[in-house]
Each structure stands twice: as C-alpha cells, then as structure tokens.
C-alpha cells in the first residue's frame, strides 16, 4: 500500500521504517524546510527502547546520548535538597539513555537509508477519503492519491484538524507552559548531573551537554492564553512569571536571548475516543499526547508506530481490522500514561507552598525503591508487551 505520513519527527519515520519491513511504500511529508534540530533532552527507556533495539539503532543512540549520574534538587540558595540516581528510578542503565530529541529523530530517519520518499517544506492542505483511496491536496505540491494517510504531525496536528475536528475538541491544556533552550558557554557546569530547582509556580532544570552547551528546561504555571507565534512574547512571559525567583534563574533568563535553539509550547494532552476514521489514522502526540509531564512522549510515539505497522502487516490488507486492533491494544495503556502524567503536574510546577514542600520531601526518599513506586506509580513502568512483527 502507498501510505502518506504527515510528520518527520519521531513517530513518522518510525512508522515508515516498519511499513517498509512489511513491503509498503511510505511517503513522509514535513512542513519544515529541513529535518529539525534542537528540542529537549529526553530519558529514553522502556518499550520504546525495545522498538529502537529491534530497529538496530541503539548503538547510534548511545554514541549521541548521555548516561546521567544523578538528578540533584537544590533550594533557592543552591543548597542540596535531594539526590536521585537514574537506575533507582528507571532500572538498569543498559536499557536507558538520555538523548536529545533531534538526535533520536536523526537515528530513526537514518535507519530508513533513503528508502522512503521525503517531501520537505510542504504540508497537507486537504484530504478527500472516498472509501477506496485518499486524495491528498498539498499546500504546494500537486495532488496525489494514497491508500492510507497517517497523521504523525504532533500536538497541533493538521491531519487531526482536517479529519476529526478542531483542536479544542481534544486538547486538554494542563495550565503549564514549557520552554527549552540551549546556551553556549554558560557557567557553572555540572557534568552528567541534572540540576533541578523548583519554587511555587515553576521548575527549572539545567543540564550540561557536550561542546560547552547548557540545556535549560523551564516548566511554568500559566492559566492564561499561551503565545504560540511570538518568541518575544514567549520570553516576556517567562521573565514575568519568574521575576524574583532564586537559584540561577536570573542568570538563566539573562542568557536566554543568546540561546542557539529556543522551544516553547503549551503542556497539553490529546484525548480522543478514536484515533482512526476511514482510511486515516493518527499516531504519537497527534493521537494521544501524554504531555511533557509523562517524560516519555518520544518512546510512546515509537511504540504506537510499531504497533500500527505490525497490525497492518497482520491484517492482510484490511486496514479497518488493523486500525481496530491498534486502538484496542494501545488505548488502555496510553490512558494510564496520561493519568500518571497528570498526577505528576505538581512536581513540575507546584501550585502552593504545601505542594512544593511535599515534592521536596518525596525527592529526599526517592532512592528507596518502594517510595519510587509509590510516588511515580505507572509513570516509569510500561505495562505493555510488544507484538512480534510478522516476518521479522
């Protein structure tokens, strides 16, 4: 089958890889003029790691990634509150790596080895599903027919809007915004340590990367309109919300204008009754975004893409059967991930002094395994068994 995949981030190229394994002909369309760079460092583990292993890209991830020694929480004066070891939270480090999202995406795309058509600097403008095929009208390119269309185009999915309805039907804003930016030459540096500081209304994380680059992650409470189109407005919002904050916040905000990359978005979840309609399906954040709070969005996107491709391979060309199995297999799992993420919101941006004190107290106990399980619940456990891929 000819399959158009909108989005060339994490989910899209993963789906293209596994569709190729089943003999399909995927085409990727990406509205950006080039494959993206930047984005935040992610902790990559669980069943998503298993998908990467089956793709043979784990050695590449290890070359580009980091194995963090610890996460260290400090107060507004820089005094240590707690130290957490990644292996106490996520298990053995041989099945875990921290990696920039763009490096993960690059490794996945590299695994395609040029076998999938890639259209850059274009996007889907309209879709006409007549039951036998989908006529796709592009923003710039000529119309084309495909057997299936898959939206892997993220939280603000255009495919979802065209086929299922406006964003407000499905997006659940968590009253938090996130910003991630890379600053060259920032000091101090703490190698392989994620430095964390929280006050009422926000959390800041500083991580030292290679080549004298420091990544900053800010999660900030914000109950008003989210400025998605103006970097100046986004940075002004951060300065206003973080005015008077302690630790290194003034220095980090001062460094923000010279960042080499700058990312800003709403922290939202996508909750839909169904991810498929006719010959169109959604994967990744377009289908069931768990939000940054889950800490696992990229891995979940890879799981979804793998399962969808596996079900298409099993169905013998019956896309309706494959779509139904895809939803049935993953819906309970992803709903549990979303629920767990919502429970963690107070850790990323406490709403009160009491929440902040509770967060810090729990962090002090996090090296005890039973406390980790109690505090994090299902967030750090993938209660899913990946199906075998037909013919693999």
Protein backbone atom coordinates (compact mmCIF):
# COMPACT_ATOMS: atom_id res chain seq x y z
CA UNK A 1 0.00 0.00 0.00
CA UNK A 2 1.00 3.59 -0.59
CA UNK A 3 0.92 5.39 2.76
CA UNK A 4 1.36 9.13 3.30
CA UNK A 5 2.78 10.00 6.71
CA UNK A 6 2.46 13.64 7.75
CA UNK A 7 5.35 14.48 10.07
CA UNK A 8 9.03 13.51 10.02
CA UNK A 9 9.85 13.75 13.72
CA UNK A 10 9.84 10.59 15.86
CA UNK A 11 6.58 8.77 15.10
CA UNK A 12 6.59 9.33 11.33
CA UNK A 13 9.99 7.86 10.43
CA UNK A 14 9.46 5.00 12.91
CA UNK A 15 6.22 4.12 11.15
CA UNK A 16 7.90 4.44 7.75
CA UNK A 17 10.66 2.03 8.83
CA UNK A 18 8.24 -0.68 9.90
CA UNK A 19 5.94 -0.17 6.92
CA UNK A 20 8.95 -0.78 4.68
CA UNK A 21 9.61 -4.02 6.57
CA UNK A 22 6.11 -5.14 5.58
CA UNK A 23 6.53 -4.21 1.92
CA UNK A 24 4.50 -0.99 1.91
CA UNK A 25 5.55 2.26 0.20
CA UNK A 26 5.63 5.14 2.69
CA UNK A 27 5.99 8.82 1.83
CA UNK A 28 6.90 11.34 4.53
CA UNK A 29 5.81 14.97 4.26
CA UNK A 30 7.26 17.54 6.67
CA UNK A 31 6.21 21.18 6.74
CA UNK A 32 9.64 22.35 7.97
CA UNK A 33 12.26 23.08 5.28
CA UNK A 34 14.69 20.62 6.90
CA UNK A 35 14.64 17.85 9.47
CA UNK A 36 14.51 19.55 12.82
CA UNK A 37 17.32 20.27 15.25
CA UNK A 38 17.13 21.27 18.88
CA UNK A 39 14.47 20.12 21.27
CA UNK A 40 14.92 18.88 24.78
CA UNK A 41 16.93 16.02 26.23
CA UNK A 42 14.68 13.04 26.83
CA UNK A 43 15.08 10.00 29.06
CA UNK A 44 14.63 7.07 26.70
CA UNK A 45 13.76 3.65 28.12
CA UNK A 46 11.02 1.03 28.40
CA UNK A 47 9.15 -0.47 25.45
CA UNK A 48 10.23 2.42 23.21
CA UNK A 49 13.82 1.36 23.84
CA UNK A 50 12.81 -2.15 22.78
CA UNK A 51 11.47 -0.77 19.47
CA UNK A 52 14.75 1.06 18.90
CA UNK A 53 16.62 -2.17 19.67
CA UNK A 54 14.58 -4.04 17.07
CA UNK A 55 15.48 -1.30 14.57
CA UNK A 56 19.18 -1.74 15.31
CA UNK A 57 19.75 1.90 16.30
CA UNK A 58 20.66 1.53 19.99
CA UNK A 59 24.44 1.79 19.32
CA UNK A 60 23.78 5.08 17.48
CA UNK A 61 21.70 6.35 20.40
CA UNK A 62 24.49 5.51 22.82
CA UNK A 63 27.02 7.42 20.69
CA UNK A 64 24.93 10.57 20.81
CA UNK A 65 23.36 10.14 24.23
CA UNK A 66 24.33 10.51 27.86
CA UNK A 67 24.11 8.25 30.89
CA UNK A 68 23.32 10.73 33.65
CA UNK A 69 24.90 10.12 37.05
CA UNK A 70 22.26 11.87 39.08
CA UNK A 71 19.50 14.45 39.32
CA UNK A 72 20.16 16.94 42.10
CA UNK A 73 17.44 19.14 43.57
CA UNK A 74 18.59 22.38 45.19
CA UNK A 75 16.91 25.24 47.04
CA UNK A 76 16.89 28.93 46.06
CA UNK A 77 20.37 29.34 47.60
CA UNK A 78 21.82 26.34 45.76
CA UNK A 79 21.89 24.06 48.78
CA UNK A 80 21.23 20.39 48.06
CA UNK A 81 17.74 19.10 48.91
CA UNK A 82 17.98 15.63 47.40
CA UNK A 83 19.99 13.47 45.02
CA UNK A 84 18.34 10.86 42.81
CA UNK A 85 20.10 8.13 40.84
CA UNK A 86 18.51 7.25 37.47
CA UNK A 87 18.95 3.50 38.00
CA UNK A 88 16.95 3.72 41.22
CA UNK A 89 14.03 5.16 39.24
CA UNK A 90 14.23 3.56 35.80
CA UNK A 91 16.20 0.37 36.35
CA UNK A 92 19.48 -0.84 34.82
CA UNK A 93 21.32 1.78 32.75
CA UNK A 94 21.96 -0.63 29.84
CA UNK A 95 18.27 -0.15 28.89
CA UNK A 96 18.25 3.60 29.38
CA UNK A 97 19.87 6.63 27.76
CA UNK A 98 19.32 10.39 27.86
CA UNK A 99 19.39 11.81 24.35
CA UNK A 100 18.44 14.99 22.54
CA UNK A 101 15.14 14.53 20.77
CA UNK A 102 16.69 15.65 17.47
CA UNK A 103 19.44 13.01 17.79
CA UNK A 104 16.83 10.30 18.38
CA UNK A 105 14.89 11.52 15.34
CA UNK A 106 18.09 11.57 13.28
CA UNK A 107 18.95 7.99 14.20
CA UNK A 108 15.45 6.79 13.29
CA UNK A 109 15.50 8.62 9.96
CA UNK A 110 18.98 7.26 9.24
CA UNK A 111 17.64 3.73 9.62
CA UNK A 112 15.43 4.35 6.57
CA UNK A 113 18.59 4.53 4.43
CA UNK A 114 16.82 6.65 1.82
CA UNK A 115 14.18 4.01 1.10
CA UNK A 116 11.21 6.28 1.92
CA UNK A 117 10.26 9.32 -0.13
CA UNK A 118 10.66 12.57 1.85
CA UNK A 119 8.89 15.81 0.95
CA UNK A 120 10.16 18.84 2.86
CA UNK A 121 8.75 22.36 3.17
CA UNK A 122 5.19 21.26 2.36
CA UNK A 123 2.12 20.10 4.25
CA UNK A 124 -1.30 18.56 3.78
CA UNK A 125 -3.88 21.13 2.77
CA UNK A 126 -6.95 18.92 2.24
CA UNK A 127 -7.94 15.25 2.38
CA UNK A 128 -10.68 13.51 0.41
CA UNK A 129 -11.33 9.93 1.55
CA UNK A 130 -13.76 8.27 -0.89
CA UNK A 131 -13.53 4.86 0.79
CA UNK A 132 -11.15 3.39 -1.80
CA UNK A 133 -8.28 5.84 -1.57
CA UNK A 134 -7.40 9.24 -0.11
CA UNK A 135 -6.84 12.16 -2.47
CA UNK A 136 -4.31 14.46 -0.81
CA UNK A 137 -4.04 18.10 -1.75
CA UNK A 138 -0.73 19.57 -0.65
CA UNK A 139 -0.04 23.18 0.23
CA UNK A 140 2.43 23.48 -2.67
CA UNK A 141 2.87 20.17 -4.49
CA UNK A 142 0.42 18.55 -6.93
CA UNK A 143 -2.44 16.36 -5.60
CA UNK A 144 -1.70 12.66 -5.14
CA UNK A 145 -3.62 9.52 -4.22
CA UNK A 146 -2.69 7.24 -1.31
CA UNK A 147 -4.19 4.07 0.12
CA UNK A 148 -3.81 5.37 3.68
CA UNK A 149 -2.88 8.63 5.40
CA UNK A 150 -1.34 8.76 8.86
CA UNK A 151 -1.04 11.94 10.91
CA UNK A 152 2.22 11.89 12.85
CA UNK A 153 2.31 15.68 13.00
CA UNK A 154 2.35 16.28 16.72
CA UNK A 155 0.29 18.03 19.35
CA UNK A 156 -1.02 20.64 16.90
CA UNK A 157 -1.77 18.07 14.18
CA UNK A 158 -3.13 19.43 10.92
CA UNK A 159 -4.33 15.97 9.85
CA UNK A 160 -6.33 15.71 13.07
CA UNK A 161 -7.99 19.07 12.47
CA UNK A 162 -8.85 18.21 8.87
CA UNK A 163 -10.36 14.78 9.61
CA UNK A 164 -11.51 14.76 13.23
CA UNK A 165 -12.24 18.36 14.17
CA UNK A 166 -10.72 21.45 15.82
CA UNK A 167 -8.03 21.23 18.49
CA UNK A 168 -10.30 22.41 21.28
CA UNK A 169 -12.34 19.20 20.97
CA UNK A 170 -9.36 17.08 22.01
CA UNK A 171 -6.65 19.24 23.60
CA UNK A 172 -6.59 19.36 27.39
CA UNK A 173 -4.30 22.19 28.49
CA UNK A 174 -2.60 21.42 31.83
CA UNK A 175 -2.12 25.12 32.77
CA UNK A 176 1.64 24.80 32.35
CA UNK A 177 3.95 26.03 29.59
CA UNK A 178 7.35 24.57 28.80
CA UNK A 179 10.42 26.21 27.34
CA UNK A 180 13.68 24.54 26.37
CA UNK A 181 16.73 26.40 25.13
CA UNK A 182 20.44 25.71 24.59
CA UNK A 183 23.00 28.29 25.73
CA UNK A 184 26.69 28.12 24.72
CA UNK A 185 29.33 28.88 27.33
CA UNK A 186 27.06 29.05 30.37
CA UNK A 187 28.69 28.60 33.77
CA UNK A 188 28.62 26.78 36.15
CA UNK A 189 28.62 23.29 34.66
CA UNK A 190 27.84 20.02 36.44
CA UNK A 191 28.78 17.16 34.14
CA UNK A 192 26.23 14.34 33.82
CA UNK A 193 24.09 15.90 36.54
CA UNK A 194 20.60 17.32 36.01
CA UNK A 195 20.39 20.31 38.35
CA UNK A 196 16.80 20.99 39.44
CA UNK A 197 15.20 23.88 41.29
CA UNK A 198 11.53 24.48 41.98
CA UNK A 199 9.51 27.19 43.65
CA UNK A 200 5.78 27.77 43.76
CA UNK A 201 4.68 28.04 40.12
CA UNK A 202 7.70 26.63 38.29
CA UNK A 203 10.58 24.19 37.98
CA UNK A 204 13.92 24.81 36.26
CA UNK A 205 16.35 22.12 35.10
CA UNK A 206 19.89 22.77 33.91
CA UNK A 207 21.91 20.05 32.11
CA UNK A 208 25.46 20.40 30.79
CA UNK A 209 25.77 19.00 27.28
CA UNK A 210 28.76 18.42 25.01
CA UNK A 211 30.64 21.23 23.27
CA UNK A 212 30.21 23.65 26.21
CA UNK A 213 26.44 23.85 25.68
CA UNK A 214 23.94 24.01 28.54
CA UNK A 215 20.30 22.99 28.11
CA UNK A 216 17.69 24.77 30.20
CA UNK A 217 14.17 23.40 30.74
CA UNK A 218 11.53 25.63 32.34
CA UNK A 219 8.04 24.41 33.26
CA UNK A 220 5.89 27.32 34.41
CA UNK A 221 2.30 27.66 35.64
CA UNK A 222 0.26 29.81 33.29
CA UNK A 223 -3.54 29.96 33.34
CA UNK A 224 -4.00 32.47 30.53
CA UNK A 225 -3.67 32.42 26.73
CA UNK A 226 -0.48 30.73 25.52
CA UNK A 227 1.51 32.77 22.96
CA UNK A 228 2.49 30.23 20.31
CA UNK A 229 3.56 32.53 17.47
CA UNK A 230 5.86 35.18 19.00
CA UNK A 231 9.22 34.32 20.59
CA UNK A 232 9.36 37.82 22.07
CA UNK A 233 6.01 37.29 23.81
CA UNK A 234 7.08 33.84 25.00
CA UNK A 235 10.29 35.12 26.54
CA UNK A 236 8.44 38.06 28.09
CA UNK A 237 6.00 35.61 29.71
CA UNK A 238 8.88 33.63 31.20
CA UNK A 239 10.56 36.75 32.58
CA UNK A 240 7.30 37.93 34.14
CA UNK A 241 6.44 34.57 35.70
CA UNK A 242 9.95 34.02 37.06
CA UNK A 243 10.55 37.52 38.42
CA UNK A 244 12.07 37.34 41.88
CA UNK A 245 12.96 33.63 41.65
CA UNK A 246 16.08 32.36 43.34
CA UNK A 247 18.95 29.99 42.49
CA UNK A 248 20.36 30.67 38.98
CA UNK A 249 17.06 31.81 37.46
CA UNK A 250 18.16 35.46 36.89
CA UNK A 251 21.34 34.26 35.12
CA UNK A 252 19.44 31.73 33.02
CA UNK A 253 16.92 34.35 31.91
CA UNK A 254 19.75 36.76 31.11
CA UNK A 255 21.35 34.07 28.92
CA UNK A 256 18.05 33.20 27.16
CA UNK A 257 18.32 35.77 24.30
CA UNK A 258 21.62 34.25 23.13
CA UNK A 259 20.25 30.72 23.02
CA UNK A 260 21.10 28.82 19.83
CA UNK A 261 17.76 26.97 19.95
CA UNK A 262 14.50 28.02 21.62
CA UNK A 263 11.40 25.87 22.08
CA UNK A 264 8.15 26.93 23.73
CA UNK A 265 4.74 25.27 23.88
CA UNK A 266 1.71 24.53 25.99
CA UNK A 267 1.84 21.43 28.15
CA UNK A 268 -1.26 19.64 26.90
CA UNK A 269 -2.72 16.20 26.44
CA UNK A 270 -4.72 14.93 23.48
CA UNK A 271 -7.72 12.82 24.50
CA UNK A 272 -9.73 11.26 21.67
CA UNK A 273 -12.37 8.50 21.60
CA UNK A 274 -10.84 7.11 18.39
CA UNK A 275 -7.57 7.69 16.52
CA UNK A 276 -8.82 6.42 13.16
CA UNK A 277 -11.51 7.38 10.68
CA UNK A 278 -11.94 5.72 7.29
CA UNK A 279 -8.50 5.43 5.72
CA UNK A 280 -6.88 7.96 8.06
CA UNK A 281 -5.11 7.21 11.34
CA UNK A 282 -3.15 9.19 13.93
CA UNK A 283 -0.03 8.21 15.87
CA UNK A 284 2.17 9.80 18.52
CA UNK A 285 1.26 13.15 20.02
CA UNK A 286 -1.34 13.70 17.28
CA UNK A 287 -3.32 10.75 18.67
CA UNK A 288 -2.71 10.60 22.40
CA UNK A 289 -0.14 13.15 23.55
CA UNK A 290 0.61 12.38 27.21
CA UNK A 291 2.34 15.78 27.64
CA UNK A 292 5.85 16.58 28.75
CA UNK A 293 4.78 15.55 32.26
CA UNK A 294 4.91 11.89 31.22
CA UNK A 295 8.60 12.18 30.38
CA UNK A 296 8.15 9.51 27.71
CA UNK A 297 6.38 11.04 24.71
CA UNK A 298 9.02 10.04 22.15
CA UNK A 299 9.16 6.44 23.36
CA UNK A 300 5.36 6.19 23.32
CA UNK A 301 5.29 7.58 19.78
CA UNK A 302 7.67 4.82 18.67
CA UNK A 303 5.53 2.18 20.39
CA UNK A 304 2.38 3.44 18.66
CA UNK A 305 4.05 3.50 15.24
CA UNK A 306 5.46 0.00 15.68
CA UNK A 307 2.11 -1.43 16.78
CA UNK A 308 0.20 0.24 13.95
CA UNK A 309 2.65 -1.11 11.36
CA UNK A 310 2.55 -4.57 12.96
CA UNK A 311 -1.24 -4.66 12.87
CA UNK A 312 -1.27 -3.55 9.23
CA UNK A 313 1.19 -6.35 8.45
CA UNK A 314 -1.00 -8.88 10.28
CA UNK A 315 -4.27 -7.80 8.67
CA UNK A 316 -3.53 -8.85 5.11
CA UNK A 317 -4.53 -5.51 3.63
CA UNK A 318 -7.63 -5.00 5.79
CA UNK A 319 -6.86 -1.54 7.15
CA UNK A 320 -10.12 -1.35 9.12
CA UNK A 321 -9.23 -4.50 11.05
CA UNK A 322 -5.68 -3.24 11.63
CA UNK A 323 -6.93 0.13 12.87
CA UNK A 324 -9.36 -1.53 15.30
CA UNK A 325 -6.63 -3.81 16.70
CA UNK A 326 -4.22 -0.87 17.00
CA UNK A 327 -6.70 1.09 19.10
CA UNK A 328 -7.74 -1.89 21.22
CA UNK A 329 -4.15 -2.85 22.03
CA UNK A 330 -2.92 0.63 22.98
CA UNK A 331 -5.85 2.67 24.31
CA UNK A 332 -5.82 1.38 27.94
CA UNK A 333 -2.02 1.63 28.10
CA UNK A 334 -1.93 5.22 26.84
CA UNK A 335 -4.82 6.33 29.03
CA UNK A 336 -2.88 5.05 32.05
CA UNK A 337 0.19 7.01 30.93
CA UNK A 338 -1.88 10.18 30.62
CA UNK A 339 -3.40 9.70 34.07
CA UNK A 340 0.04 9.15 35.60
CA UNK A 341 1.33 12.31 33.91
CA UNK A 342 -1.50 14.39 35.36
CA UNK A 343 -0.58 13.16 38.83
CA UNK A 344 2.96 14.47 38.32
CA UNK A 345 1.93 18.04 37.45
CA UNK A 346 2.65 19.36 40.93
CA UNK A 347 6.26 18.15 40.68
CA UNK A 348 6.85 20.17 37.50
CA UNK A 349 5.12 23.36 38.71
CA UNK A 350 3.83 23.29 42.31
CA UNK A 351 0.72 25.40 42.83
CA UNK A 352 1.28 26.09 46.54
CA UNK A 353 3.86 26.09 49.29
CA UNK A 354 2.46 22.84 50.65
CA UNK A 355 2.83 21.14 47.23
CA UNK A 356 6.42 22.38 47.00
CA UNK A 357 7.27 21.02 50.45
CA UNK A 358 5.62 17.68 49.62
CA UNK A 359 7.55 17.48 46.33
CA UNK A 360 10.86 18.10 48.08
CA UNK A 361 10.08 15.60 50.83
CA UNK A 362 9.29 12.88 48.30
CA UNK A 363 12.51 13.61 46.41
CA UNK A 364 14.51 13.01 49.57
CA UNK A 365 13.07 9.50 49.71
CA UNK A 366 13.32 8.66 46.01
CA UNK A 367 16.34 6.36 46.30
CA UNK A 368 14.18 3.92 48.23
CA UNK A 369 12.56 1.62 45.62
CA UNK A 370 9.21 1.29 47.37
CA UNK A 371 8.95 5.08 47.67
CA UNK A 372 9.77 5.44 43.96
CA UNK A 373 6.95 3.04 43.08
CA UNK A 374 4.53 4.86 45.36
CA UNK A 375 5.47 8.34 44.13
CA UNK A 376 5.73 7.62 40.43
CA UNK A 377 3.16 4.84 40.08
CA UNK A 378 2.74 3.77 36.48
CA UNK A 379 4.83 6.62 35.06
CA UNK A 380 8.03 4.56 35.00
CA UNK A 381 6.55 1.19 34.06
CA UNK A 382 5.48 0.11 30.58
CA UNK A 383 2.64 -2.33 31.12
CA UNK A 384 2.61 -3.50 27.53
CA UNK A 385 4.09 -6.38 25.58
CA UNK A 386 5.12 -5.52 22.05
CA UNK A 387 3.70 -7.90 19.42
CA UNK A 388 6.10 -9.83 17.23
CA UNK A 389 6.44 -8.18 13.84
CA UNK A 390 5.23 -10.51 11.08
CA UNK A 391 8.13 -11.78 9.00
CA UNK A 392 10.79 -10.05 11.13
